[in-house]
C-alpha cells in the first residue's frame, strides 16, 4: 500500500456509496465484482480531479487498465455505506499504480477490501501507450499533495 514517498500515496479522493440490495449475491453478501465497480467510480472521480478526463476529451490520451488485484478482508451486506479511498502510489514513464481502501460504515469504518490497479497512459488515436505528459504528472502531484494521508 501507499507510503507517501515522492509526494504520492496521500489518499486525496474518496467516494461514499450506498450498498444496493441488488449488489448482494446468493450467499447474502456483496458480490466481488461490485467492489471493482465501486473502485471504477472512485477512479473516475480521481481522473476528473487530476485532468485525465479533460486530456482524453481534448487529445484522445487517457488511462487504460492493465491489471487489478483485490484482497477481500470482510463481507459487506445491505444495508451499509462504503467509502472507497484512492491514491496514486507510483508513476512511471507511461504507467501508474493506484491503491484502494474500502471501508464499511456498518462495521465502524473497518477496512473490508484493499486493491491495486495498474494503469497505462494510452493514446486512443494511435492505439498504443504513450508517455505521461508532464502537465498531467504535475496535476497528479498537486492533487496528491491535497490528500489527508
Protein backbone atom coordinates (compact mmCIF):
# COMPACT_ATOMS: atom_id res chain seq x y z
CA UNK A 1 0.00 0.00 0.00
CA UNK A 2 0.95 3.64 -0.32
CA UNK A 3 3.66 5.14 1.84
CA UNK A 4 3.73 8.78 0.70
CA UNK A 5 7.17 8.70 -0.94
CA UNK A 6 7.79 11.19 -3.73
CA UNK A 7 4.63 13.10 -2.82
CA UNK A 8 2.35 10.18 -3.76
CA UNK A 9 0.11 7.91 -1.71
CA UNK A 10 -1.80 10.57 0.24
CA UNK A 11 -5.39 9.36 -0.44
CA UNK A 12 -6.81 12.61 -1.88
CA UNK A 13 -10.04 11.18 -3.30
CA UNK A 14 -12.77 9.20 -1.59
CA UNK A 15 -16.32 8.36 -2.54
CA UNK A 16 -19.14 7.25 -0.23
CA UNK A 17 -21.52 4.79 -1.87
CA UNK A 18 -24.66 3.12 -0.53
CA UNK A 19 -24.76 -0.64 -0.78
CA UNK A 20 -27.67 -1.64 -3.00
CA UNK A 21 -29.84 -4.67 -2.24
CA UNK A 22 -29.24 -5.98 -5.77
CA UNK A 23 -25.46 -5.98 -5.27
CA UNK A 24 -25.67 -9.00 -2.98
CA UNK A 25 -25.37 -12.50 -4.33
CA UNK A 26 -26.96 -15.81 -3.34
CA UNK A 27 -24.58 -16.04 -0.36
CA UNK A 28 -26.12 -12.81 1.03
CA UNK A 29 -23.05 -10.60 0.77
CA UNK A 30 -21.95 -8.10 -1.86
CA UNK A 31 -20.60 -9.91 -4.91
CA UNK A 32 -16.87 -9.50 -5.58
CA UNK A 33 -17.47 -7.83 -8.95
CA UNK A 34 -19.25 -4.92 -7.25
CA UNK A 35 -16.04 -3.94 -5.45
CA UNK A 36 -14.41 -3.42 -8.87
CA UNK A 37 -17.31 -1.16 -9.93
CA UNK A 38 -17.01 0.84 -6.71
CA UNK A 39 -13.30 1.33 -7.41
CA UNK A 40 -14.03 2.28 -11.01
CA UNK A 41 -16.43 5.03 -9.88
CA UNK A 42 -13.88 6.44 -7.44
CA UNK A 43 -11.12 6.15 -10.05
CA UNK A 44 -13.18 8.27 -12.44
CA UNK A 45 -13.58 10.97 -9.76
CA UNK A 46 -9.78 10.89 -9.40
CA UNK A 47 -9.30 11.17 -13.17
CA UNK A 48 -11.71 14.12 -13.33
CA UNK A 49 -9.91 15.85 -10.44
CA UNK A 50 -6.41 15.46 -11.96
CA UNK A 51 -7.41 16.37 -15.53
CA UNK A 52 -7.08 12.92 -17.11
CA UNK A 53 -10.65 13.10 -18.44
CA UNK A 54 -10.01 16.54 -19.98
CA UNK A 55 -6.83 15.22 -21.62
CA UNK A 56 -8.79 12.35 -23.14
CA UNK A 57 -11.53 14.64 -24.44
CA UNK A 58 -9.03 17.10 -25.97
CA UNK A 59 -6.25 14.81 -27.24
CA UNK A 60 -7.53 11.23 -27.14
CA UNK A 61 -4.95 10.35 -24.47
CA UNK A 62 -6.37 8.63 -21.43
CA UNK A 63 -5.99 5.79 -18.97
CA UNK A 64 -6.42 2.12 -19.74
CA UNK A 65 -6.48 -0.63 -17.13
CA UNK A 66 -3.65 -3.15 -17.31
CA UNK A 67 -4.24 -5.13 -14.12
CA UNK A 68 -6.26 -5.39 -10.93
CA UNK A 69 -5.55 -7.18 -7.65
CA UNK A 70 -8.13 -7.15 -4.86
CA UNK A 71 -7.85 -8.53 -1.34
CA UNK A 72 -11.25 -9.07 0.27
CA UNK A 73 -10.97 -8.76 4.06
CA UNK A 74 -14.60 -8.94 5.24
CA UNK A 75 -18.02 -9.48 3.66
CA UNK A 76 -20.25 -6.45 3.08
CA UNK A 77 -24.04 -6.69 3.35
CA UNK A 78 -27.07 -4.49 2.78
CA UNK A 79 -27.79 -2.05 4.38
CA UNK A 80 -24.42 -0.31 4.53
CA UNK A 81 -22.44 2.56 3.12
CA UNK A 82 -18.91 2.01 1.93
CA UNK A 83 -16.24 4.61 1.40
CA UNK A 84 -13.74 3.94 -1.35
CA UNK A 85 -10.45 5.80 -0.89
CA UNK A 86 -7.92 6.02 -3.72
CA UNK A 87 -4.44 7.33 -4.36
CA UNK A 88 -1.75 7.07 -7.00
CA UNK A 89 1.30 5.39 -5.48
CA UNK A 90 3.65 5.11 -8.46
CA UNK A 91 4.15 6.96 -11.73
CA UNK A 92 6.34 5.53 -14.47
CA UNK A 93 7.09 6.97 -17.87
CA UNK A 94 3.78 5.73 -19.32
CA UNK A 95 2.27 3.78 -16.42
CA UNK A 96 0.90 4.33 -12.94
CA UNK A 97 -0.39 2.38 -9.95
CA UNK A 98 -3.39 3.24 -7.83
CA UNK A 99 -4.21 1.82 -4.42
CA UNK A 100 -7.67 1.48 -2.94
CA UNK A 101 -9.02 1.07 0.57
CA UNK A 102 -12.71 0.28 1.01
CA UNK A 103 -14.25 0.82 4.44
CA UNK A 104 -17.68 -0.09 5.84
CA UNK A 105 -19.83 2.27 7.90
CA UNK A 106 -21.81 -0.66 9.32
CA UNK A 107 -18.54 -2.13 10.61
CA UNK A 108 -17.39 1.10 12.22
CA UNK A 109 -15.07 2.15 9.42
CA UNK A 110 -13.30 -1.21 9.23
CA UNK A 111 -11.33 -1.84 6.03
CA UNK A 112 -13.20 -4.53 4.10
CA UNK A 113 -11.01 -4.63 0.97
CA UNK A 114 -7.76 -3.29 -0.41
CA UNK A 115 -6.67 -3.25 -4.03
CA UNK A 116 -4.04 -2.15 -6.50
CA UNK A 117 -4.69 -1.19 -10.11
CA UNK A 118 -2.00 -0.96 -12.78
CA UNK A 119 -2.81 1.60 -15.44
CA UNK A 120 -1.23 2.78 -18.65
CA UNK A 121 -1.38 6.17 -20.34
CA UNK A 122 -2.88 5.29 -23.72
CA UNK A 123 -3.16 7.20 -26.98
CA UNK A 124 -6.53 6.00 -28.25
CA UNK A 125 -5.97 7.61 -31.68
CA UNK A 126 -2.69 5.75 -32.25
CA UNK A 127 -3.83 2.63 -30.32
CA UNK A 128 -0.66 2.43 -28.21
CA UNK A 129 0.80 3.50 -24.89
CA UNK A 130 2.33 6.95 -24.69
CA UNK A 131 4.47 8.81 -22.15
CA UNK A 132 2.60 10.58 -19.38
CA UNK A 133 2.51 14.30 -20.19
CA UNK A 134 4.45 16.44 -17.71
CA UNK A 135 1.34 18.59 -17.22
CA UNK A 136 -0.68 15.54 -16.09
CA UNK A 137 2.13 14.37 -13.80
CA UNK A 138 2.20 17.84 -12.19
CA UNK A 139 -1.59 17.82 -11.68
CA UNK A 140 -1.44 14.37 -10.07
CA UNK A 141 1.29 15.53 -7.69
CA UNK A 142 -0.74 18.64 -6.83
CA UNK A 143 -3.85 16.52 -6.20
CA UNK A 144 -1.88 14.07 -4.07
CA UNK A 145 -0.46 16.97 -2.03
CA UNK A 146 -4.06 17.84 -1.07
CA UNK A 147 -4.62 14.37 0.38
CA UNK A 148 -5.21 13.60 4.00
CA UNK A 149 -2.82 10.68 4.31
